[in-house]
N, C-alpha and C. Protein backbone atom coordinates (compact mmCIF):
# COMPACT_ATOMS: atom_id res chain seq x y z
N MET A 1 128.79 100.20 65.37
CA MET A 1 128.12 101.04 66.36
C MET A 1 129.12 101.57 67.38
N SER A 2 130.12 100.77 67.74
CA SER A 2 131.06 101.17 68.78
C SER A 2 131.81 102.45 68.43
N ALA A 3 132.28 102.55 67.17
CA ALA A 3 133.00 103.76 66.77
C ALA A 3 132.08 104.97 66.81
N ASP A 4 130.82 104.79 66.42
CA ASP A 4 129.86 105.88 66.47
C ASP A 4 129.62 106.32 67.91
N LEU A 5 129.52 105.35 68.82
CA LEU A 5 129.32 105.70 70.23
C LEU A 5 130.54 106.44 70.78
N GLN A 6 131.72 106.04 70.37
CA GLN A 6 132.94 106.73 70.81
C GLN A 6 132.90 108.19 70.33
N LEU A 7 132.49 108.38 69.10
CA LEU A 7 132.39 109.72 68.53
C LEU A 7 131.35 110.56 69.29
N GLN A 8 130.21 109.95 69.57
CA GLN A 8 129.15 110.65 70.30
C GLN A 8 129.62 111.02 71.72
N ALA A 9 130.35 110.12 72.35
CA ALA A 9 130.87 110.39 73.70
C ALA A 9 131.83 111.58 73.67
N ALA A 10 132.66 111.64 72.66
CA ALA A 10 133.59 112.77 72.52
C ALA A 10 132.83 114.07 72.31
N ARG A 11 131.74 114.00 71.55
CA ARG A 11 130.92 115.19 71.33
C ARG A 11 130.26 115.67 72.63
N VAL A 12 129.80 114.72 73.45
CA VAL A 12 129.19 115.09 74.74
C VAL A 12 130.24 115.78 75.61
N ALA A 13 131.46 115.25 75.61
CA ALA A 13 132.54 115.83 76.40
C ALA A 13 132.83 117.26 75.98
N LYS A 14 132.55 117.59 74.73
CA LYS A 14 132.77 118.95 74.22
C LYS A 14 131.53 119.83 74.38
N GLY A 15 130.52 119.33 75.09
CA GLY A 15 129.35 120.15 75.38
C GLY A 15 128.14 119.91 74.50
N ASP A 16 128.18 118.95 73.60
CA ASP A 16 127.06 118.66 72.72
C ASP A 16 126.07 117.72 73.42
N ARG A 17 125.08 118.31 74.05
CA ARG A 17 124.09 117.53 74.82
C ARG A 17 123.27 116.61 73.92
N ALA A 18 123.00 117.04 72.70
CA ALA A 18 122.20 116.23 71.77
C ALA A 18 122.89 114.92 71.43
N ALA A 19 124.20 114.89 71.48
CA ALA A 19 124.94 113.66 71.18
C ALA A 19 124.61 112.57 72.20
N PHE A 20 124.30 112.98 73.43
CA PHE A 20 123.96 111.98 74.43
C PHE A 20 122.64 111.29 74.08
N ARG A 21 121.73 112.03 73.48
CA ARG A 21 120.45 111.45 73.06
C ARG A 21 120.72 110.30 72.07
N THR A 22 121.68 110.48 71.20
CA THR A 22 122.04 109.44 70.24
C THR A 22 122.59 108.21 70.97
N ILE A 23 123.41 108.44 71.97
CA ILE A 23 123.95 107.32 72.77
C ILE A 23 122.80 106.55 73.41
N VAL A 24 121.86 107.27 74.00
CA VAL A 24 120.71 106.62 74.64
C VAL A 24 119.91 105.83 73.62
N GLU A 25 119.62 106.43 72.49
CA GLU A 25 118.83 105.75 71.46
C GLU A 25 119.50 104.46 70.98
N GLN A 26 120.81 104.46 70.89
CA GLN A 26 121.53 103.29 70.40
C GLN A 26 121.75 102.22 71.45
N THR A 27 121.61 102.56 72.73
CA THR A 27 121.92 101.59 73.77
C THR A 27 120.76 101.23 74.68
N GLN A 28 119.65 101.96 74.59
CA GLN A 28 118.60 101.76 75.59
C GLN A 28 117.97 100.37 75.55
N VAL A 29 117.82 99.77 74.40
CA VAL A 29 117.18 98.45 74.33
C VAL A 29 118.01 97.38 75.05
N PRO A 30 119.30 97.21 74.72
CA PRO A 30 120.05 96.18 75.44
C PRO A 30 120.27 96.51 76.91
N LEU A 31 120.44 97.78 77.23
CA LEU A 31 120.65 98.14 78.64
C LEU A 31 119.37 97.98 79.45
N HIS A 32 118.24 98.28 78.88
CA HIS A 32 116.96 98.08 79.58
C HIS A 32 116.73 96.59 79.80
N ARG A 33 117.01 95.78 78.76
CA ARG A 33 116.87 94.33 78.88
C ARG A 33 117.78 93.81 80.01
N LEU A 34 119.00 94.31 80.07
CA LEU A 34 119.93 93.90 81.12
C LEU A 34 119.38 94.25 82.49
N ALA A 35 118.91 95.48 82.65
CA ALA A 35 118.39 95.91 83.95
C ALA A 35 117.19 95.08 84.38
N ILE A 36 116.30 94.78 83.45
CA ILE A 36 115.13 93.94 83.79
C ILE A 36 115.58 92.55 84.21
N ARG A 37 116.54 91.99 83.48
CA ARG A 37 117.00 90.64 83.82
C ARG A 37 117.71 90.61 85.16
N LEU A 38 118.44 91.66 85.47
CA LEU A 38 119.13 91.70 86.76
C LEU A 38 118.15 91.89 87.90
N LEU A 39 117.15 92.74 87.71
CA LEU A 39 116.26 93.12 88.80
C LEU A 39 114.96 92.34 88.85
N GLY A 40 114.50 91.83 87.71
CA GLY A 40 113.25 91.07 87.69
C GLY A 40 112.01 91.94 87.83
N ASN A 41 112.16 93.25 87.66
CA ASN A 41 111.04 94.16 87.86
C ASN A 41 111.19 95.33 86.88
N PRO A 42 110.27 95.44 85.92
CA PRO A 42 110.38 96.50 84.91
C PRO A 42 110.41 97.92 85.49
N ALA A 43 109.63 98.18 86.51
CA ALA A 43 109.61 99.53 87.09
C ALA A 43 110.95 99.86 87.74
N GLU A 44 111.50 98.92 88.49
CA GLU A 44 112.81 99.13 89.10
C GLU A 44 113.89 99.26 88.03
N ALA A 45 113.76 98.48 86.97
CA ALA A 45 114.73 98.54 85.87
C ALA A 45 114.73 99.92 85.22
N GLU A 46 113.54 100.48 85.03
CA GLU A 46 113.44 101.84 84.47
C GLU A 46 114.17 102.84 85.36
N ASP A 47 113.93 102.74 86.66
CA ASP A 47 114.57 103.68 87.60
C ASP A 47 116.09 103.53 87.57
N VAL A 48 116.56 102.29 87.59
CA VAL A 48 118.00 102.04 87.58
C VAL A 48 118.62 102.52 86.27
N LEU A 49 117.94 102.26 85.16
CA LEU A 49 118.47 102.69 83.87
C LEU A 49 118.56 104.22 83.80
N GLN A 50 117.52 104.88 84.29
CA GLN A 50 117.54 106.34 84.28
C GLN A 50 118.69 106.87 85.16
N GLU A 51 118.85 106.27 86.32
CA GLU A 51 119.95 106.65 87.22
C GLU A 51 121.30 106.43 86.53
N ALA A 52 121.44 105.32 85.83
CA ALA A 52 122.69 105.01 85.14
C ALA A 52 122.97 106.02 84.03
N TYR A 53 121.95 106.37 83.27
CA TYR A 53 122.15 107.35 82.20
C TYR A 53 122.52 108.73 82.77
N VAL A 54 121.96 109.09 83.89
CA VAL A 54 122.32 110.37 84.52
C VAL A 54 123.80 110.35 84.92
N LYS A 55 124.23 109.24 85.53
CA LYS A 55 125.64 109.11 85.91
C LYS A 55 126.55 109.18 84.68
N ALA A 56 126.14 108.48 83.63
CA ALA A 56 126.94 108.47 82.41
C ALA A 56 127.02 109.87 81.80
N PHE A 57 125.91 110.56 81.75
CA PHE A 57 125.91 111.90 81.17
C PHE A 57 126.82 112.83 81.97
N ARG A 58 126.72 112.76 83.29
CA ARG A 58 127.57 113.61 84.13
C ARG A 58 129.05 113.30 83.91
N ALA A 59 129.37 112.02 83.82
CA ALA A 59 130.76 111.63 83.61
C ALA A 59 131.26 112.09 82.25
N LEU A 60 130.45 111.90 81.23
CA LEU A 60 130.86 112.32 79.89
C LEU A 60 130.98 113.84 79.81
N SER A 61 130.04 114.55 80.40
CA SER A 61 130.06 116.02 80.38
C SER A 61 131.27 116.58 81.09
N ALA A 62 131.71 115.88 82.13
CA ALA A 62 132.87 116.32 82.89
C ALA A 62 134.17 115.74 82.31
N ASP A 63 134.04 115.07 81.15
CA ASP A 63 135.18 114.46 80.47
C ASP A 63 135.90 113.45 81.37
N ARG A 64 135.11 112.65 82.11
CA ARG A 64 135.66 111.63 83.00
C ARG A 64 135.63 110.23 82.39
N PHE A 65 135.22 110.11 81.14
CA PHE A 65 135.27 108.82 80.45
C PHE A 65 136.65 108.70 79.83
N SER A 66 137.40 107.72 80.30
CA SER A 66 138.80 107.59 79.87
C SER A 66 138.95 107.02 78.46
N GLY A 67 137.96 106.29 78.00
CA GLY A 67 138.06 105.67 76.69
C GLY A 67 138.85 104.38 76.69
N ASP A 68 139.19 103.87 77.88
CA ASP A 68 139.93 102.61 77.95
C ASP A 68 139.09 101.43 77.46
N SER A 69 137.79 101.55 77.56
CA SER A 69 136.89 100.51 77.07
C SER A 69 135.91 101.13 76.09
N ALA A 70 135.16 100.29 75.42
CA ALA A 70 134.14 100.78 74.50
C ALA A 70 133.04 101.47 75.31
N VAL A 71 132.39 102.44 74.72
CA VAL A 71 131.32 103.17 75.41
C VAL A 71 130.23 102.21 75.86
N GLN A 72 129.85 101.27 74.99
CA GLN A 72 128.79 100.34 75.36
C GLN A 72 129.21 99.48 76.56
N THR A 73 130.44 99.02 76.59
CA THR A 73 130.92 98.24 77.73
C THR A 73 130.89 99.08 78.99
N TRP A 74 131.31 100.32 78.88
CA TRP A 74 131.30 101.25 80.01
C TRP A 74 129.87 101.44 80.51
N LEU A 75 128.92 101.59 79.60
CA LEU A 75 127.52 101.76 79.99
C LEU A 75 126.97 100.48 80.64
N TYR A 76 127.36 99.30 80.12
CA TYR A 76 126.97 98.05 80.76
C TYR A 76 127.47 98.03 82.21
N ARG A 77 128.68 98.50 82.41
CA ARG A 77 129.25 98.53 83.77
C ARG A 77 128.42 99.46 84.67
N ILE A 78 128.08 100.62 84.17
CA ILE A 78 127.31 101.58 84.97
C ILE A 78 125.94 101.00 85.32
N VAL A 79 125.26 100.42 84.35
CA VAL A 79 123.94 99.84 84.59
C VAL A 79 124.05 98.65 85.55
N THR A 80 125.02 97.81 85.34
CA THR A 80 125.20 96.64 86.21
C THR A 80 125.49 97.08 87.63
N ASN A 81 126.38 98.04 87.81
CA ASN A 81 126.68 98.53 89.16
C ASN A 81 125.46 99.16 89.82
N ALA A 82 124.70 99.94 89.05
CA ALA A 82 123.49 100.56 89.61
C ALA A 82 122.48 99.48 90.01
N ALA A 83 122.34 98.44 89.17
CA ALA A 83 121.41 97.36 89.49
C ALA A 83 121.89 96.56 90.70
N LEU A 84 123.20 96.29 90.79
CA LEU A 84 123.74 95.57 91.95
C LEU A 84 123.51 96.37 93.23
N ASP A 85 123.76 97.66 93.17
CA ASP A 85 123.51 98.51 94.35
C ASP A 85 122.03 98.46 94.73
N HIS A 86 121.17 98.53 93.74
CA HIS A 86 119.73 98.48 94.00
C HIS A 86 119.34 97.14 94.63
N MET A 87 119.90 96.04 94.09
CA MET A 87 119.58 94.71 94.64
C MET A 87 120.06 94.60 96.08
N ARG A 88 121.22 95.14 96.38
CA ARG A 88 121.73 95.08 97.75
C ARG A 88 120.83 95.87 98.70
N ARG A 89 120.40 97.05 98.25
CA ARG A 89 119.47 97.85 99.08
C ARG A 89 118.16 97.10 99.27
N ARG A 90 117.68 96.48 98.20
CA ARG A 90 116.42 95.74 98.27
C ARG A 90 116.55 94.56 99.21
N ARG A 91 117.66 93.83 99.12
CA ARG A 91 117.87 92.67 100.02
C ARG A 91 117.93 93.11 101.47
N SER A 92 118.56 94.24 101.70
CA SER A 92 118.64 94.76 103.06
C SER A 92 117.24 95.08 103.60
N LYS A 93 116.43 95.70 102.76
CA LYS A 93 115.04 96.01 103.16
C LYS A 93 114.24 94.73 103.36
N GLU A 94 114.44 93.74 102.48
CA GLU A 94 113.70 92.48 102.58
C GLU A 94 114.05 91.75 103.88
N LYS A 95 115.32 91.78 104.24
CA LYS A 95 115.72 91.12 105.48
C LYS A 95 115.03 91.75 106.68
N SER A 96 114.86 93.06 106.62
CA SER A 96 114.19 93.72 107.74
C SER A 96 112.69 93.49 107.71
N SER A 97 112.10 93.31 106.50
CA SER A 97 110.66 93.08 106.44
C SER A 97 110.33 91.61 106.25
N ASP A 98 111.35 90.78 105.89
CA ASP A 98 111.19 89.33 105.72
C ASP A 98 110.19 88.94 104.64
N ALA A 99 110.02 89.77 103.60
CA ALA A 99 109.11 89.45 102.50
C ALA A 99 109.84 89.63 101.17
N ALA A 100 109.79 88.61 100.34
CA ALA A 100 110.43 88.68 99.02
C ALA A 100 109.48 89.36 98.04
N PRO A 101 110.00 90.21 97.17
CA PRO A 101 109.13 90.86 96.20
C PRO A 101 108.65 89.90 95.13
N GLU A 102 107.44 90.08 94.69
CA GLU A 102 106.89 89.30 93.58
C GLU A 102 107.42 89.88 92.29
N PRO A 103 108.01 89.06 91.39
CA PRO A 103 108.49 89.61 90.13
C PRO A 103 107.34 90.23 89.37
N GLN A 104 107.60 91.38 88.77
CA GLN A 104 106.58 92.11 88.04
C GLN A 104 106.60 91.69 86.58
N MET A 105 105.43 91.45 86.01
CA MET A 105 105.31 91.10 84.60
C MET A 105 104.57 92.23 83.90
N ASP A 106 104.84 92.37 82.64
CA ASP A 106 104.21 93.47 81.90
C ASP A 106 102.86 93.10 81.30
N GLY A 107 102.32 91.93 81.63
CA GLY A 107 101.01 91.53 81.14
C GLY A 107 101.07 90.73 79.85
N ALA A 108 102.21 90.73 79.19
CA ALA A 108 102.34 90.00 77.94
C ALA A 108 102.72 88.55 78.21
N GLY A 109 102.40 87.70 77.27
CA GLY A 109 102.82 86.31 77.37
C GLY A 109 101.78 85.44 78.03
N SER A 110 102.00 84.16 77.89
CA SER A 110 101.06 83.19 78.43
C SER A 110 101.25 83.01 79.93
N ALA A 111 100.27 82.35 80.52
CA ALA A 111 100.35 82.06 81.95
C ALA A 111 101.55 81.17 82.24
N GLU A 112 101.81 80.21 81.33
CA GLU A 112 102.96 79.33 81.50
C GLU A 112 104.27 80.10 81.47
N ALA A 113 104.37 81.05 80.55
CA ALA A 113 105.59 81.86 80.44
C ALA A 113 105.77 82.70 81.70
N ARG A 114 104.70 83.27 82.20
CA ARG A 114 104.79 84.07 83.43
C ARG A 114 105.22 83.21 84.61
N MET A 115 104.68 81.98 84.68
CA MET A 115 105.09 81.08 85.78
C MET A 115 106.56 80.72 85.65
N ALA A 116 107.01 80.46 84.43
CA ALA A 116 108.42 80.11 84.21
C ALA A 116 109.32 81.28 84.60
N LEU A 117 108.92 82.50 84.24
CA LEU A 117 109.71 83.68 84.61
C LEU A 117 109.74 83.87 86.12
N ARG A 118 108.63 83.63 86.78
CA ARG A 118 108.60 83.74 88.26
C ARG A 118 109.56 82.72 88.88
N GLU A 119 109.52 81.49 88.35
CA GLU A 119 110.40 80.45 88.88
C GLU A 119 111.86 80.81 88.64
N LEU A 120 112.18 81.26 87.43
CA LEU A 120 113.55 81.66 87.12
C LEU A 120 113.98 82.81 88.03
N ASP A 121 113.12 83.80 88.20
CA ASP A 121 113.45 84.92 89.07
C ASP A 121 113.68 84.44 90.50
N ALA A 122 112.86 83.53 90.97
CA ALA A 122 113.03 83.00 92.33
C ALA A 122 114.38 82.30 92.47
N TRP A 123 114.76 81.55 91.45
CA TRP A 123 116.05 80.86 91.48
C TRP A 123 117.19 81.88 91.47
N LEU A 124 117.08 82.90 90.63
CA LEU A 124 118.13 83.91 90.55
C LEU A 124 118.21 84.73 91.84
N GLN A 125 117.10 84.88 92.54
CA GLN A 125 117.10 85.63 93.80
C GLN A 125 117.97 84.94 94.85
N ASP A 126 118.14 83.62 94.71
CA ASP A 126 118.97 82.88 95.66
C ASP A 126 120.46 83.15 95.46
N LEU A 127 120.81 83.76 94.34
CA LEU A 127 122.22 84.09 94.07
C LEU A 127 122.57 85.42 94.71
N THR A 128 123.84 85.58 94.99
CA THR A 128 124.29 86.90 95.43
C THR A 128 124.15 87.85 94.25
N PRO A 129 124.06 89.15 94.49
CA PRO A 129 123.97 90.08 93.35
C PRO A 129 125.10 89.92 92.34
N ASP A 130 126.32 89.69 92.82
CA ASP A 130 127.45 89.53 91.90
C ASP A 130 127.32 88.26 91.07
N GLN A 131 126.86 87.17 91.68
CA GLN A 131 126.66 85.93 90.94
C GLN A 131 125.54 86.09 89.92
N ARG A 132 124.48 86.75 90.31
CA ARG A 132 123.36 86.98 89.40
C ARG A 132 123.83 87.79 88.18
N ALA A 133 124.62 88.80 88.43
CA ALA A 133 125.13 89.63 87.33
C ALA A 133 125.98 88.80 86.37
N VAL A 134 126.84 87.95 86.91
CA VAL A 134 127.70 87.12 86.05
C VAL A 134 126.85 86.18 85.21
N VAL A 135 125.88 85.52 85.82
CA VAL A 135 125.03 84.58 85.08
C VAL A 135 124.29 85.31 83.96
N ILE A 136 123.73 86.45 84.26
CA ILE A 136 122.94 87.18 83.25
C ILE A 136 123.84 87.72 82.15
N LEU A 137 124.97 88.32 82.51
CA LEU A 137 125.86 88.87 81.49
C LEU A 137 126.43 87.78 80.59
N LYS A 138 126.79 86.67 81.19
CA LYS A 138 127.45 85.60 80.41
C LYS A 138 126.43 84.71 79.70
N ALA A 139 125.47 84.18 80.44
CA ALA A 139 124.56 83.19 79.85
C ALA A 139 123.41 83.82 79.08
N VAL A 140 122.92 84.95 79.53
CA VAL A 140 121.76 85.55 78.88
C VAL A 140 122.18 86.59 77.85
N GLU A 141 123.09 87.49 78.22
CA GLU A 141 123.53 88.53 77.29
C GLU A 141 124.58 88.02 76.30
N GLY A 142 125.17 86.86 76.59
CA GLY A 142 126.11 86.25 75.66
C GLY A 142 127.49 86.88 75.64
N MET A 143 127.86 87.55 76.71
CA MET A 143 129.19 88.17 76.77
C MET A 143 130.25 87.11 77.03
N THR A 144 131.46 87.39 76.59
CA THR A 144 132.59 86.51 76.88
C THR A 144 133.08 86.78 78.29
N THR A 145 133.88 85.87 78.81
CA THR A 145 134.43 86.06 80.15
C THR A 145 135.23 87.36 80.26
N PRO A 146 136.10 87.69 79.28
CA PRO A 146 136.80 88.97 79.38
C PRO A 146 135.86 90.19 79.37
N GLU A 147 134.79 90.11 78.58
CA GLU A 147 133.82 91.22 78.55
C GLU A 147 133.11 91.36 79.89
N VAL A 148 132.72 90.24 80.48
CA VAL A 148 132.06 90.27 81.79
C VAL A 148 133.02 90.84 82.83
N ALA A 149 134.26 90.42 82.78
CA ALA A 149 135.26 90.92 83.72
C ALA A 149 135.41 92.43 83.59
N GLU A 150 135.40 92.92 82.36
CA GLU A 150 135.53 94.36 82.14
C GLU A 150 134.31 95.10 82.68
N VAL A 151 133.11 94.58 82.42
CA VAL A 151 131.88 95.22 82.89
C VAL A 151 131.85 95.26 84.41
N LEU A 152 132.24 94.16 85.04
CA LEU A 152 132.19 94.07 86.50
C LEU A 152 133.45 94.58 87.19
N ALA A 153 134.42 95.01 86.39
CA ALA A 153 135.68 95.54 86.92
C ALA A 153 136.34 94.54 87.89
N CYS A 154 136.46 93.30 87.42
CA CYS A 154 137.11 92.26 88.22
C CYS A 154 137.94 91.39 87.27
N SER A 155 138.64 90.44 87.82
CA SER A 155 139.47 89.57 86.99
C SER A 155 138.62 88.50 86.32
N GLU A 156 139.16 87.91 85.27
CA GLU A 156 138.47 86.81 84.60
C GLU A 156 138.32 85.63 85.56
N GLY A 157 139.31 85.43 86.41
CA GLY A 157 139.23 84.36 87.41
C GLY A 157 138.06 84.58 88.37
N ALA A 158 137.85 85.83 88.75
CA ALA A 158 136.72 86.14 89.64
C ALA A 158 135.40 85.87 88.94
N VAL A 159 135.33 86.17 87.65
CA VAL A 159 134.11 85.89 86.89
C VAL A 159 133.85 84.39 86.89
N GLU A 160 134.88 83.61 86.58
CA GLU A 160 134.72 82.15 86.53
C GLU A 160 134.33 81.60 87.90
N GLN A 161 134.94 82.13 88.96
CA GLN A 161 134.62 81.65 90.31
C GLN A 161 133.17 81.97 90.67
N ARG A 162 132.71 83.17 90.35
CA ARG A 162 131.32 83.54 90.62
C ARG A 162 130.37 82.66 89.83
N LEU A 163 130.75 82.34 88.60
CA LEU A 163 129.92 81.49 87.76
C LEU A 163 129.85 80.08 88.33
N VAL A 164 130.96 79.54 88.80
CA VAL A 164 130.98 78.21 89.41
C VAL A 164 130.08 78.18 90.64
N ARG A 165 130.19 79.20 91.48
CA ARG A 165 129.36 79.27 92.69
C ARG A 165 127.88 79.43 92.35
N ALA A 166 127.59 80.24 91.34
CA ALA A 166 126.20 80.45 90.93
C ALA A 166 125.61 79.14 90.40
N ARG A 167 126.37 78.44 89.58
CA ARG A 167 125.88 77.17 89.04
C ARG A 167 125.64 76.15 90.15
N ALA A 168 126.54 76.13 91.14
CA ALA A 168 126.37 75.21 92.26
C ALA A 168 125.09 75.54 93.04
N THR A 169 124.85 76.81 93.27
CA THR A 169 123.63 77.24 93.97
C THR A 169 122.40 76.86 93.17
N LEU A 170 122.43 77.09 91.87
CA LEU A 170 121.28 76.76 91.02
C LEU A 170 121.06 75.25 90.94
N ARG A 171 122.15 74.46 90.92
CA ARG A 171 122.01 73.00 90.94
C ARG A 171 121.35 72.54 92.23
N GLU A 172 121.79 73.12 93.36
CA GLU A 172 121.20 72.76 94.65
C GLU A 172 119.70 73.08 94.65
N LYS A 173 119.35 74.23 94.12
CA LYS A 173 117.95 74.65 94.05
C LYS A 173 117.16 73.67 93.18
N ARG A 174 117.74 73.31 92.02
CA ARG A 174 117.07 72.36 91.12
C ARG A 174 116.89 71.01 91.80
N ASP A 175 117.94 70.52 92.46
CA ASP A 175 117.87 69.22 93.12
C ASP A 175 116.84 69.23 94.24
N LEU A 176 116.76 70.31 94.96
CA LEU A 176 115.78 70.44 96.05
C LEU A 176 114.37 70.44 95.46
N THR A 177 114.18 71.14 94.39
CA THR A 177 112.87 71.20 93.73
C THR A 177 112.48 69.83 93.20
N GLU A 178 113.44 69.14 92.60
CA GLU A 178 113.17 67.79 92.05
C GLU A 178 112.81 66.82 93.17
N SER A 179 113.48 66.93 94.32
CA SER A 179 113.22 65.99 95.42
C SER A 179 111.86 66.24 96.08
N GLN A 180 111.32 67.43 95.88
CA GLN A 180 110.02 67.76 96.50
C GLN A 180 108.84 67.40 95.60
N LYS A 181 109.12 66.99 94.36
CA LYS A 181 108.05 66.60 93.46
C LYS A 181 107.49 65.25 93.89
N PRO A 182 106.16 65.06 93.75
CA PRO A 182 105.55 63.77 94.17
C PRO A 182 105.97 62.62 93.31
């Protein structure tokens, strides 16, 4: 798929708008899943994904994609950055209103699954946006440390450090929850 995406990106750079549709069709499922996992809200994920695709199309059309990384990795970076920006804006608004958003569910799944997702989302909300991104990219999306570093445009050491801090925060949250049980 990667070579095909590279070819499609080159076609977009030459003015073939239809080639971008192929890129979207081949990447929308994993990128949408990533956005939902980062944001915890399907509606916000849709908005962020659409914003990311617009940025990608503009960059490809202007021939600003250098090709240093795979197209899919580049798109992961764009979606992750758009989601991180969105989370930061949301946190800023939440601090001013002092209310945390309720994670949105699509109506599917059991009540137990929805409760588990709410709990997981609440735990992930305690992480900084950068830590949340590292946890999701590495533990949920299954990326390697070098891939996560490339997506987040940081060093592998920074990825590992964010992961260590995220795990410590999640352990503290787990321990606090366990101590509050009767």
